[in-house]
Amino acid sequence: MNFQHFQSPNSNPSNSLEADALAFVGKLASLDLGPIAYKLMSPEDGPGWTQAEATMALVQYMRFLLLVFLYPNSTLIPTPEIDRVWHCHILDTSKYAEDTQMLFGRFLHHFPYMGTRSEVDRQQLYSSFEQTRKLFEQHFEIPISQMRWSQVSACKLFSGSEQHRPSIPLSLDPFQALWGQFA
């Protein structure tokens, strides 16, 4: 990992972003990712990846989480591979809540509608993914294009600022749906 640009020239390393990043990496190392790997490798209710594929995807997910830590005000967009790991993590709701609380001091929300709400939103998705791609290359010296799935995934961290979610109008009467005939 390239930490050179984390430090200001006259900073004390113990007070620098480098020290914070290293402490965060220590937290990442304490995560039990075994249950997520199990889910990723399951052919019944997961993608059925090999152990090598699951391990590489978990590494990319941890890199993504580090970027989320380093750039909390940026719109970071995962690849589909990273997003698949994120989904498997989220599905274990209590583990995900505990893990994100430990890592970030808060629950890390997932916003699955990025790029689907308008053409402007779609352009923002690609622009944000380009920023994410550059950060991956800058920090990890690995082009996203060398990752298994190098395209953009239509999601991002939910910052709370965008409340518009695409929706389909439904007319469901819960009493009719639950206790009556439903057509």
N, C-alpha and C. Protein backbone atom coordinates (compact mmCIF):
# COMPACT_ATOMS: atom_id res chain seq x y z
N MET A 1 0.84 -1.18 0.00
CA MET A 1 0.00 0.00 0.00
C MET A 1 0.88 1.23 0.00
N ASN A 2 0.49 2.21 -0.76
CA ASN A 2 1.25 3.44 -0.90
C ASN A 2 0.76 4.47 0.12
N PHE A 3 1.55 4.69 1.18
CA PHE A 3 1.18 5.65 2.22
C PHE A 3 1.86 6.99 2.04
N GLN A 4 2.71 7.17 1.03
CA GLN A 4 3.50 8.39 0.91
C GLN A 4 2.65 9.65 0.92
N HIS A 5 1.55 9.65 0.24
CA HIS A 5 0.74 10.86 0.13
C HIS A 5 -0.17 11.08 1.34
N PHE A 6 -0.17 10.18 2.32
CA PHE A 6 -0.99 10.36 3.51
C PHE A 6 -0.39 11.37 4.48
N GLN A 7 0.93 11.45 4.51
CA GLN A 7 1.61 12.29 5.49
C GLN A 7 1.91 13.66 4.93
N SER A 8 1.70 14.69 5.75
CA SER A 8 2.19 16.01 5.38
C SER A 8 3.67 16.05 5.72
N PRO A 9 4.47 16.89 5.05
CA PRO A 9 5.93 16.87 5.22
C PRO A 9 6.40 17.06 6.66
N ASN A 10 5.69 17.87 7.46
CA ASN A 10 6.13 18.16 8.82
C ASN A 10 5.26 17.51 9.89
N SER A 11 4.56 16.47 9.52
CA SER A 11 3.64 15.86 10.49
C SER A 11 4.35 14.82 11.34
N ASN A 12 3.81 14.61 12.51
CA ASN A 12 4.26 13.55 13.39
C ASN A 12 3.53 12.29 12.95
N PRO A 13 4.25 11.21 12.60
CA PRO A 13 3.57 10.01 12.09
C PRO A 13 2.48 9.48 13.01
N SER A 14 2.63 9.65 14.32
CA SER A 14 1.62 9.11 15.22
C SER A 14 0.31 9.89 15.11
N ASN A 15 0.35 11.13 14.60
CA ASN A 15 -0.85 11.93 14.45
C ASN A 15 -1.33 11.99 13.01
N SER A 16 -0.69 11.29 12.13
CA SER A 16 -0.98 11.41 10.70
C SER A 16 -2.10 10.49 10.25
N LEU A 17 -2.55 10.76 9.05
CA LEU A 17 -3.53 9.89 8.43
C LEU A 17 -2.96 8.49 8.24
N GLU A 18 -1.65 8.41 8.07
CA GLU A 18 -1.00 7.10 7.92
C GLU A 18 -1.26 6.25 9.16
N ALA A 19 -1.09 6.84 10.33
CA ALA A 19 -1.32 6.09 11.57
C ALA A 19 -2.79 5.67 11.68
N ASP A 20 -3.70 6.57 11.31
CA ASP A 20 -5.12 6.22 11.33
C ASP A 20 -5.43 5.09 10.35
N ALA A 21 -4.82 5.17 9.16
CA ALA A 21 -5.04 4.12 8.16
C ALA A 21 -4.51 2.79 8.64
N LEU A 22 -3.34 2.80 9.27
CA LEU A 22 -2.78 1.55 9.79
C LEU A 22 -3.65 0.98 10.90
N ALA A 23 -4.19 1.85 11.75
CA ALA A 23 -5.09 1.38 12.81
C ALA A 23 -6.35 0.77 12.18
N PHE A 24 -6.85 1.39 11.11
CA PHE A 24 -8.02 0.85 10.44
C PHE A 24 -7.72 -0.51 9.81
N VAL A 25 -6.54 -0.64 9.22
CA VAL A 25 -6.14 -1.93 8.64
C VAL A 25 -6.10 -2.99 9.74
N GLY A 26 -5.66 -2.61 10.94
CA GLY A 26 -5.69 -3.54 12.07
C GLY A 26 -7.11 -3.99 12.39
N LYS A 27 -8.06 -3.05 12.32
CA LYS A 27 -9.46 -3.42 12.54
C LYS A 27 -9.95 -4.37 11.44
N LEU A 28 -9.57 -4.07 10.19
CA LEU A 28 -9.95 -4.96 9.09
C LEU A 28 -9.42 -6.37 9.33
N ALA A 29 -8.19 -6.44 9.83
CA ALA A 29 -7.56 -7.74 10.08
C ALA A 29 -8.30 -8.52 11.16
N SER A 30 -9.00 -7.83 12.04
CA SER A 30 -9.71 -8.52 13.12
C SER A 30 -11.09 -9.04 12.68
N LEU A 31 -11.54 -8.67 11.49
CA LEU A 31 -12.84 -9.16 11.01
C LEU A 31 -12.80 -10.66 10.77
N ASP A 32 -13.87 -11.33 11.11
CA ASP A 32 -14.02 -12.74 10.75
C ASP A 32 -14.79 -12.78 9.44
N LEU A 33 -14.06 -12.96 8.35
CA LEU A 33 -14.68 -12.98 7.02
C LEU A 33 -15.05 -14.39 6.57
N GLY A 34 -14.81 -15.38 7.44
CA GLY A 34 -15.13 -16.76 7.10
C GLY A 34 -16.59 -16.99 6.74
N PRO A 35 -17.55 -16.43 7.50
CA PRO A 35 -18.95 -16.62 7.12
C PRO A 35 -19.29 -16.02 5.76
N ILE A 36 -18.65 -14.90 5.43
CA ILE A 36 -18.91 -14.28 4.13
C ILE A 36 -18.31 -15.14 3.03
N ALA A 37 -17.12 -15.67 3.25
CA ALA A 37 -16.50 -16.58 2.27
C ALA A 37 -17.39 -17.80 2.07
N TYR A 38 -17.93 -18.33 3.16
CA TYR A 38 -18.83 -19.49 3.06
C TYR A 38 -20.02 -19.17 2.14
N LYS A 39 -20.62 -17.99 2.36
CA LYS A 39 -21.76 -17.58 1.55
C LYS A 39 -21.35 -17.42 0.08
N LEU A 40 -20.19 -16.82 -0.16
CA LEU A 40 -19.71 -16.61 -1.53
C LEU A 40 -19.43 -17.93 -2.24
N MET A 41 -19.02 -18.94 -1.48
CA MET A 41 -18.67 -20.23 -2.07
C MET A 41 -19.86 -21.18 -2.18
N SER A 42 -20.98 -20.81 -1.59
CA SER A 42 -22.15 -21.68 -1.60
C SER A 42 -22.82 -21.67 -2.97
N PRO A 43 -22.96 -22.85 -3.60
CA PRO A 43 -23.66 -22.89 -4.88
C PRO A 43 -25.19 -22.83 -4.72
N GLU A 44 -25.68 -23.10 -3.50
CA GLU A 44 -27.13 -23.08 -3.28
C GLU A 44 -27.66 -21.66 -3.11
N ASP A 45 -27.04 -20.86 -2.25
CA ASP A 45 -27.56 -19.51 -2.00
C ASP A 45 -26.50 -18.43 -2.14
N GLY A 46 -25.45 -18.71 -2.87
CA GLY A 46 -24.41 -17.74 -3.17
C GLY A 46 -23.96 -17.94 -4.60
N PRO A 47 -22.93 -17.23 -5.02
CA PRO A 47 -22.48 -17.36 -6.41
C PRO A 47 -21.70 -18.63 -6.70
N GLY A 48 -21.34 -19.40 -5.67
CA GLY A 48 -20.63 -20.65 -5.90
C GLY A 48 -19.19 -20.45 -6.35
N TRP A 49 -18.54 -19.42 -5.85
CA TRP A 49 -17.16 -19.14 -6.23
C TRP A 49 -16.23 -20.16 -5.61
N THR A 50 -15.06 -20.32 -6.20
CA THR A 50 -14.02 -21.15 -5.60
C THR A 50 -13.44 -20.41 -4.40
N GLN A 51 -12.66 -21.11 -3.58
CA GLN A 51 -12.05 -20.44 -2.44
C GLN A 51 -11.11 -19.34 -2.91
N ALA A 52 -10.38 -19.57 -3.98
CA ALA A 52 -9.46 -18.55 -4.51
C ALA A 52 -10.24 -17.32 -4.99
N GLU A 53 -11.37 -17.54 -5.67
CA GLU A 53 -12.19 -16.42 -6.14
C GLU A 53 -12.78 -15.64 -4.96
N ALA A 54 -13.28 -16.36 -3.96
CA ALA A 54 -13.85 -15.70 -2.78
C ALA A 54 -12.78 -14.92 -2.03
N THR A 55 -11.60 -15.50 -1.89
CA THR A 55 -10.51 -14.82 -1.18
C THR A 55 -10.13 -13.53 -1.89
N MET A 56 -9.97 -13.59 -3.21
CA MET A 56 -9.60 -12.39 -3.96
C MET A 56 -10.69 -11.33 -3.86
N ALA A 57 -11.94 -11.74 -3.93
CA ALA A 57 -13.05 -10.79 -3.82
C ALA A 57 -13.07 -10.15 -2.43
N LEU A 58 -12.79 -10.92 -1.39
CA LEU A 58 -12.74 -10.38 -0.03
C LEU A 58 -11.60 -9.38 0.12
N VAL A 59 -10.47 -9.64 -0.52
CA VAL A 59 -9.35 -8.69 -0.51
C VAL A 59 -9.79 -7.37 -1.15
N GLN A 60 -10.47 -7.46 -2.31
CA GLN A 60 -10.93 -6.24 -2.98
C GLN A 60 -11.95 -5.50 -2.12
N TYR A 61 -12.81 -6.23 -1.43
CA TYR A 61 -13.80 -5.62 -0.53
C TYR A 61 -13.10 -4.89 0.61
N MET A 62 -12.08 -5.51 1.19
CA MET A 62 -11.35 -4.85 2.28
C MET A 62 -10.66 -3.59 1.76
N ARG A 63 -10.14 -3.62 0.55
CA ARG A 63 -9.54 -2.42 -0.05
C ARG A 63 -10.60 -1.34 -0.22
N PHE A 64 -11.77 -1.73 -0.68
CA PHE A 64 -12.87 -0.78 -0.84
C PHE A 64 -13.23 -0.16 0.52
N LEU A 65 -13.32 -0.97 1.56
CA LEU A 65 -13.64 -0.45 2.89
C LEU A 65 -12.57 0.52 3.38
N LEU A 66 -11.31 0.24 3.08
CA LEU A 66 -10.25 1.18 3.45
C LEU A 66 -10.43 2.50 2.72
N LEU A 67 -10.78 2.47 1.46
CA LEU A 67 -11.03 3.71 0.72
C LEU A 67 -12.22 4.46 1.31
N VAL A 68 -13.25 3.74 1.73
CA VAL A 68 -14.40 4.37 2.38
C VAL A 68 -13.94 5.09 3.65
N PHE A 69 -13.04 4.46 4.40
CA PHE A 69 -12.50 5.08 5.61
C PHE A 69 -11.68 6.32 5.26
N LEU A 70 -10.82 6.21 4.26
CA LEU A 70 -9.93 7.31 3.90
C LEU A 70 -10.65 8.49 3.24
N TYR A 71 -11.74 8.21 2.55
CA TYR A 71 -12.46 9.23 1.79
C TYR A 71 -13.94 9.22 2.18
N PRO A 72 -14.24 9.59 3.43
CA PRO A 72 -15.62 9.47 3.92
C PRO A 72 -16.62 10.39 3.21
N ASN A 73 -16.15 11.44 2.56
CA ASN A 73 -17.06 12.36 1.89
C ASN A 73 -17.12 12.14 0.38
N SER A 74 -16.51 11.07 -0.10
CA SER A 74 -16.51 10.77 -1.53
C SER A 74 -17.60 9.76 -1.86
N THR A 75 -18.07 9.82 -3.08
CA THR A 75 -19.02 8.83 -3.57
C THR A 75 -18.21 7.73 -4.23
N LEU A 76 -17.99 6.65 -3.52
CA LEU A 76 -17.20 5.53 -4.03
C LEU A 76 -18.13 4.45 -4.56
N ILE A 77 -17.79 3.93 -5.73
CA ILE A 77 -18.63 2.96 -6.42
C ILE A 77 -17.87 1.64 -6.52
N PRO A 78 -18.44 0.55 -6.03
CA PRO A 78 -17.74 -0.74 -6.12
C PRO A 78 -17.90 -1.38 -7.50
N THR A 79 -17.04 -2.34 -7.76
CA THR A 79 -17.22 -3.21 -8.92
C THR A 79 -18.32 -4.21 -8.57
N PRO A 80 -18.88 -4.92 -9.54
CA PRO A 80 -19.88 -5.96 -9.21
C PRO A 80 -19.33 -7.03 -8.26
N GLU A 81 -18.05 -7.36 -8.39
CA GLU A 81 -17.42 -8.35 -7.51
C GLU A 81 -17.43 -7.86 -6.06
N ILE A 82 -17.01 -6.62 -5.86
CA ILE A 82 -17.00 -6.04 -4.51
C ILE A 82 -18.43 -5.91 -3.99
N ASP A 83 -19.34 -5.49 -4.86
CA ASP A 83 -20.73 -5.34 -4.45
C ASP A 83 -21.34 -6.68 -4.04
N ARG A 84 -20.96 -7.76 -4.71
CA ARG A 84 -21.47 -9.10 -4.35
C ARG A 84 -21.01 -9.47 -2.94
N VAL A 85 -19.75 -9.18 -2.62
CA VAL A 85 -19.24 -9.44 -1.27
C VAL A 85 -20.01 -8.58 -0.27
N TRP A 86 -20.19 -7.30 -0.61
CA TRP A 86 -20.91 -6.37 0.26
C TRP A 86 -22.31 -6.92 0.55
N HIS A 87 -23.00 -7.41 -0.48
CA HIS A 87 -24.34 -7.97 -0.29
C HIS A 87 -24.30 -9.18 0.65
N CYS A 88 -23.34 -10.06 0.46
CA CYS A 88 -23.24 -11.23 1.35
C CYS A 88 -22.97 -10.81 2.78
N HIS A 89 -22.19 -9.76 2.97
CA HIS A 89 -21.91 -9.24 4.31
C HIS A 89 -23.19 -8.65 4.91
N ILE A 90 -23.89 -7.84 4.13
CA ILE A 90 -25.11 -7.19 4.61
C ILE A 90 -26.18 -8.21 5.01
N LEU A 91 -26.26 -9.32 4.28
CA LEU A 91 -27.31 -10.31 4.56
C LEU A 91 -27.19 -10.93 5.94
N ASP A 92 -25.99 -10.94 6.50
CA ASP A 92 -25.82 -11.36 7.90
C ASP A 92 -25.94 -10.08 8.72
N THR A 93 -27.17 -9.65 8.94
CA THR A 93 -27.43 -8.30 9.45
C THR A 93 -26.76 -7.99 10.78
N SER A 94 -26.78 -8.92 11.71
CA SER A 94 -26.16 -8.62 13.01
C SER A 94 -24.64 -8.53 12.87
N LYS A 95 -24.04 -9.41 12.09
CA LYS A 95 -22.59 -9.35 11.88
C LYS A 95 -22.21 -8.06 11.17
N TYR A 96 -22.96 -7.72 10.12
CA TYR A 96 -22.67 -6.50 9.36
C TYR A 96 -22.78 -5.27 10.26
N ALA A 97 -23.83 -5.20 11.07
CA ALA A 97 -24.01 -4.07 11.98
C ALA A 97 -22.84 -3.97 12.96
N GLU A 98 -22.44 -5.10 13.54
CA GLU A 98 -21.31 -5.11 14.47
C GLU A 98 -20.01 -4.72 13.76
N ASP A 99 -19.78 -5.28 12.59
CA ASP A 99 -18.54 -5.01 11.86
C ASP A 99 -18.43 -3.55 11.44
N THR A 100 -19.50 -2.99 10.88
CA THR A 100 -19.41 -1.60 10.43
C THR A 100 -19.35 -0.64 11.62
N GLN A 101 -20.00 -0.99 12.72
CA GLN A 101 -19.88 -0.16 13.94
C GLN A 101 -18.44 -0.17 14.43
N MET A 102 -17.81 -1.33 14.44
CA MET A 102 -16.42 -1.44 14.89
C MET A 102 -15.48 -0.69 13.94
N LEU A 103 -15.71 -0.82 12.64
CA LEU A 103 -14.82 -0.19 11.66
C LEU A 103 -15.02 1.32 11.55
N PHE A 104 -16.28 1.75 11.48
CA PHE A 104 -16.58 3.14 11.15
C PHE A 104 -17.27 3.92 12.27
N GLY A 105 -17.66 3.21 13.33
CA GLY A 105 -18.38 3.88 14.40
C GLY A 105 -19.84 4.13 14.06
N ARG A 106 -20.31 3.50 13.00
CA ARG A 106 -21.69 3.66 12.56
C ARG A 106 -22.05 2.53 11.61
N PHE A 107 -23.33 2.39 11.35
CA PHE A 107 -23.81 1.44 10.35
C PHE A 107 -23.53 2.02 8.97
N LEU A 108 -22.98 1.24 8.10
CA LEU A 108 -22.65 1.67 6.74
C LEU A 108 -23.79 1.25 5.82
N HIS A 109 -24.56 2.22 5.36
CA HIS A 109 -25.72 1.93 4.53
C HIS A 109 -25.33 1.74 3.07
N HIS A 110 -26.12 0.95 2.37
CA HIS A 110 -25.93 0.61 0.96
C HIS A 110 -27.08 1.24 0.18
N PHE A 111 -26.76 1.98 -0.88
CA PHE A 111 -27.78 2.63 -1.72
C PHE A 111 -27.77 1.97 -3.09
N PRO A 112 -28.74 1.10 -3.40
CA PRO A 112 -28.68 0.30 -4.63
C PRO A 112 -29.29 0.94 -5.87
N TYR A 113 -29.55 2.24 -5.85
CA TYR A 113 -30.22 2.89 -6.97
C TYR A 113 -29.32 3.85 -7.74
N MET A 114 -28.05 3.93 -7.40
CA MET A 114 -27.16 4.88 -8.06
C MET A 114 -27.11 4.60 -9.55
N GLY A 115 -27.33 5.64 -10.33
CA GLY A 115 -27.25 5.52 -11.78
C GLY A 115 -28.53 5.08 -12.44
N THR A 116 -29.58 4.81 -11.66
CA THR A 116 -30.82 4.29 -12.23
C THR A 116 -31.95 5.33 -12.25
N ARG A 117 -31.73 6.50 -11.67
CA ARG A 117 -32.82 7.45 -11.48
C ARG A 117 -32.95 8.48 -12.60
N SER A 118 -31.89 8.74 -13.33
CA SER A 118 -31.93 9.71 -14.43
C SER A 118 -30.63 9.61 -15.20
N GLU A 119 -30.58 10.29 -16.33
CA GLU A 119 -29.34 10.31 -17.11
C GLU A 119 -28.23 11.05 -16.35
N VAL A 120 -28.58 12.12 -15.65
CA VAL A 120 -27.59 12.84 -14.84
C VAL A 120 -27.05 11.92 -13.75
N ASP A 121 -27.93 11.17 -13.13
CA ASP A 121 -27.54 10.21 -12.09
C ASP A 121 -26.60 9.15 -12.68
N ARG A 122 -26.90 8.70 -13.89
CA ARG A 122 -26.07 7.69 -14.56
C ARG A 122 -24.67 8.25 -14.84
N GLN A 123 -24.62 9.49 -15.29
CA GLN A 123 -23.32 10.12 -15.55
C GLN A 123 -22.52 10.27 -14.25
N GLN A 124 -23.22 10.62 -13.16
CA GLN A 124 -22.57 10.73 -11.85
C GLN A 124 -22.02 9.38 -11.41
N LEU A 125 -22.75 8.31 -11.69
CA LEU A 125 -22.29 6.96 -11.38
C LEU A 125 -20.95 6.69 -12.05
N TYR A 126 -20.87 6.96 -13.34
CA TYR A 126 -19.63 6.69 -14.08
C TYR A 126 -18.50 7.62 -13.66
N SER A 127 -18.82 8.86 -13.36
CA SER A 127 -17.81 9.81 -12.88
C SER A 127 -17.27 9.36 -11.52
N SER A 128 -18.16 8.94 -10.64
CA SER A 128 -17.74 8.48 -9.31
C SER A 128 -16.95 7.18 -9.40
N PHE A 129 -17.34 6.30 -10.33
CA PHE A 129 -16.59 5.06 -10.51
C PHE A 129 -15.18 5.37 -11.02
N GLU A 130 -15.05 6.36 -11.89
CA GLU A 130 -13.73 6.76 -12.38
C GLU A 130 -12.87 7.25 -11.21
N GLN A 131 -13.45 8.02 -10.31
CA GLN A 131 -12.73 8.47 -9.11
C GLN A 131 -12.31 7.27 -8.27
N THR A 132 -13.21 6.31 -8.08
CA THR A 132 -12.90 5.11 -7.31
C THR A 132 -11.77 4.33 -7.97
N ARG A 133 -11.83 4.21 -9.29
CA ARG A 133 -10.78 3.51 -10.05
C ARG A 133 -9.42 4.17 -9.82
N LYS A 134 -9.39 5.49 -9.88
CA LYS A 134 -8.12 6.21 -9.67
C LYS A 134 -7.60 6.00 -8.25
N LEU A 135 -8.49 6.01 -7.27
CA LEU A 135 -8.07 5.79 -5.89
C LEU A 135 -7.53 4.38 -5.69
N PHE A 136 -8.16 3.38 -6.32
CA PHE A 136 -7.64 2.01 -6.25
C PHE A 136 -6.22 1.96 -6.80
N GLU A 137 -6.01 2.58 -7.94
CA GLU A 137 -4.68 2.55 -8.55
C GLU A 137 -3.67 3.33 -7.72
N GLN A 138 -4.09 4.47 -7.18
CA GLN A 138 -3.20 5.30 -6.37
C GLN A 138 -2.78 4.59 -5.09
N HIS A 139 -3.71 3.98 -4.40
CA HIS A 139 -3.41 3.39 -3.10
C HIS A 139 -2.89 1.96 -3.17
N PHE A 140 -3.39 1.19 -4.11
CA PHE A 140 -3.05 -0.23 -4.14
C PHE A 140 -2.21 -0.62 -5.35
N GLU A 141 -2.00 0.35 -6.24
CA GLU A 141 -1.18 0.14 -7.44
C GLU A 141 -1.68 -1.04 -8.26
N ILE A 142 -3.00 -1.21 -8.26
CA ILE A 142 -3.65 -2.27 -9.03
C ILE A 142 -4.76 -1.62 -9.85
N PRO A 143 -4.64 -1.66 -11.16
CA PRO A 143 -5.74 -1.11 -11.97
C PRO A 143 -7.00 -1.97 -11.80
N ILE A 144 -8.12 -1.31 -11.63
CA ILE A 144 -9.39 -2.04 -11.54
C ILE A 144 -9.58 -2.90 -12.78
N SER A 145 -9.04 -2.47 -13.91
CA SER A 145 -9.19 -3.25 -15.14
C SER A 145 -8.56 -4.63 -15.02
N GLN A 146 -7.67 -4.82 -14.06
CA GLN A 146 -7.06 -6.14 -13.85
C GLN A 146 -7.88 -7.01 -12.90
N MET A 147 -8.91 -6.43 -12.31
CA MET A 147 -9.78 -7.20 -11.43
C MET A 147 -10.72 -8.04 -12.28
N ARG A 148 -11.26 -9.07 -11.70
CA ARG A 148 -12.11 -10.01 -12.43
C ARG A 148 -13.28 -9.30 -13.11
N TRP A 149 -13.99 -8.48 -12.38
CA TRP A 149 -15.09 -7.70 -12.95
C TRP A 149 -14.71 -6.24 -12.82
N SER A 150 -14.35 -5.63 -13.90
CA SER A 150 -13.83 -4.27 -13.83
C SER A 150 -14.89 -3.22 -14.15
N GLN A 151 -16.12 -3.63 -14.40
CA GLN A 151 -17.15 -2.64 -14.71
C GLN A 151 -17.78 -2.08 -13.44
N VAL A 152 -18.63 -1.10 -13.63
CA VAL A 152 -19.26 -0.38 -12.54
C VAL A 152 -20.49 -1.14 -12.03
N SER A 153 -20.76 -1.02 -10.73
CA SER A 153 -21.96 -1.58 -10.13
C SER A 153 -22.88 -0.42 -9.76
N ALA A 154 -24.16 -0.55 -9.97
CA ALA A 154 -25.12 0.54 -9.77
C ALA A 154 -25.51 0.68 -8.30
N CYS A 155 -24.52 0.97 -7.46
CA CYS A 155 -24.80 1.21 -6.05
C CYS A 155 -23.70 2.08 -5.47
N LYS A 156 -23.90 2.54 -4.25
CA LYS A 156 -22.90 3.31 -3.54
C LYS A 156 -23.25 3.28 -2.06
N LEU A 157 -22.39 3.89 -1.26
CA LEU A 157 -22.70 4.08 0.15
C LEU A 157 -23.84 5.08 0.24
N PHE A 158 -24.77 4.85 1.12
CA PHE A 158 -25.88 5.78 1.30
C PHE A 158 -25.45 6.86 2.28
N SER A 159 -25.45 8.10 1.81
CA SER A 159 -25.01 9.20 2.66
C SER A 159 -26.16 9.85 3.41
N GLY A 160 -27.37 9.51 3.07
CA GLY A 160 -28.52 10.12 3.74
C GLY A 160 -29.03 11.36 3.03
N SER A 161 -28.26 11.87 2.07
CA SER A 161 -28.67 13.10 1.41
C SER A 161 -29.68 12.85 0.30
N GLU A 162 -29.62 11.71 -0.33
CA GLU A 162 -30.56 11.45 -1.42
C GLU A 162 -31.69 10.55 -0.91
N GLN A 163 -32.87 11.06 -0.96
CA GLN A 163 -34.02 10.30 -0.47
C GLN A 163 -34.84 9.70 -1.60
N HIS A 164 -34.58 10.11 -2.83
CA HIS A 164 -35.36 9.61 -3.97
C HIS A 164 -34.94 8.20 -4.32
N ARG A 165 -35.89 7.30 -4.23
CA ARG A 165 -35.67 5.92 -4.65
C ARG A 165 -36.64 5.63 -5.79
N PRO A 166 -36.18 4.98 -6.84
CA PRO A 166 -37.14 4.60 -7.88
C PRO A 166 -38.19 3.67 -7.30
N SER A 167 -39.38 3.77 -7.82
CA SER A 167 -40.48 2.99 -7.25
C SER A 167 -41.50 2.68 -8.33
N ILE A 168 -42.23 1.63 -8.12
CA ILE A 168 -43.35 1.25 -8.98
C ILE A 168 -44.61 1.39 -8.14
N PRO A 169 -45.60 2.14 -8.62
CA PRO A 169 -46.82 2.29 -7.83
C PRO A 169 -47.55 0.95 -7.68
N LEU A 170 -47.89 0.65 -6.47
CA LEU A 170 -48.63 -0.58 -6.15
C LEU A 170 -49.89 -0.21 -5.40
N SER A 171 -50.93 -0.94 -5.65
CA SER A 171 -52.15 -0.74 -4.85
C SER A 171 -52.41 -2.06 -4.12
N LEU A 172 -51.80 -2.18 -2.98
CA LEU A 172 -51.96 -3.38 -2.17
C LEU A 172 -52.75 -3.03 -0.92
N ASP A 173 -53.85 -3.67 -0.74
CA ASP A 173 -54.61 -3.56 0.49
C ASP A 173 -54.09 -4.68 1.40
N PRO A 174 -53.38 -4.34 2.48
CA PRO A 174 -52.80 -5.39 3.30
C PRO A 174 -53.82 -6.38 3.85
N PHE A 175 -55.02 -5.91 4.18
CA PHE A 175 -56.03 -6.82 4.72
C PHE A 175 -56.47 -7.81 3.64
N GLN A 176 -56.67 -7.31 2.44
CA GLN A 176 -57.07 -8.18 1.33
C GLN A 176 -55.92 -9.12 0.98
N ALA A 177 -54.70 -8.60 0.95
CA ALA A 177 -53.54 -9.42 0.57
C ALA A 177 -53.26 -10.50 1.60
N LEU A 178 -53.43 -10.19 2.87
CA LEU A 178 -53.08 -11.14 3.92
C LEU A 178 -54.19 -12.15 4.21
N TRP A 179 -55.45 -11.71 4.15
CA TRP A 179 -56.53 -12.61 4.56
C TRP A 179 -57.57 -12.88 3.48
N GLY A 180 -57.44 -12.24 2.36
CA GLY A 180 -58.44 -12.43 1.31
C GLY A 180 -57.82 -13.06 0.08
N GLN A 181 -58.57 -13.01 -0.97
CA GLN A 181 -58.07 -13.50 -2.25
C GLN A 181 -57.19 -12.42 -2.86
N PHE A 182 -56.06 -12.84 -3.36
CA PHE A 182 -55.14 -11.90 -4.00
C PHE A 182 -54.93 -12.33 -5.43
N ALA A 183 -55.24 -11.43 -6.33
CA ALA A 183 -55.10 -11.77 -7.75
C ALA A 183 -53.85 -11.17 -8.33
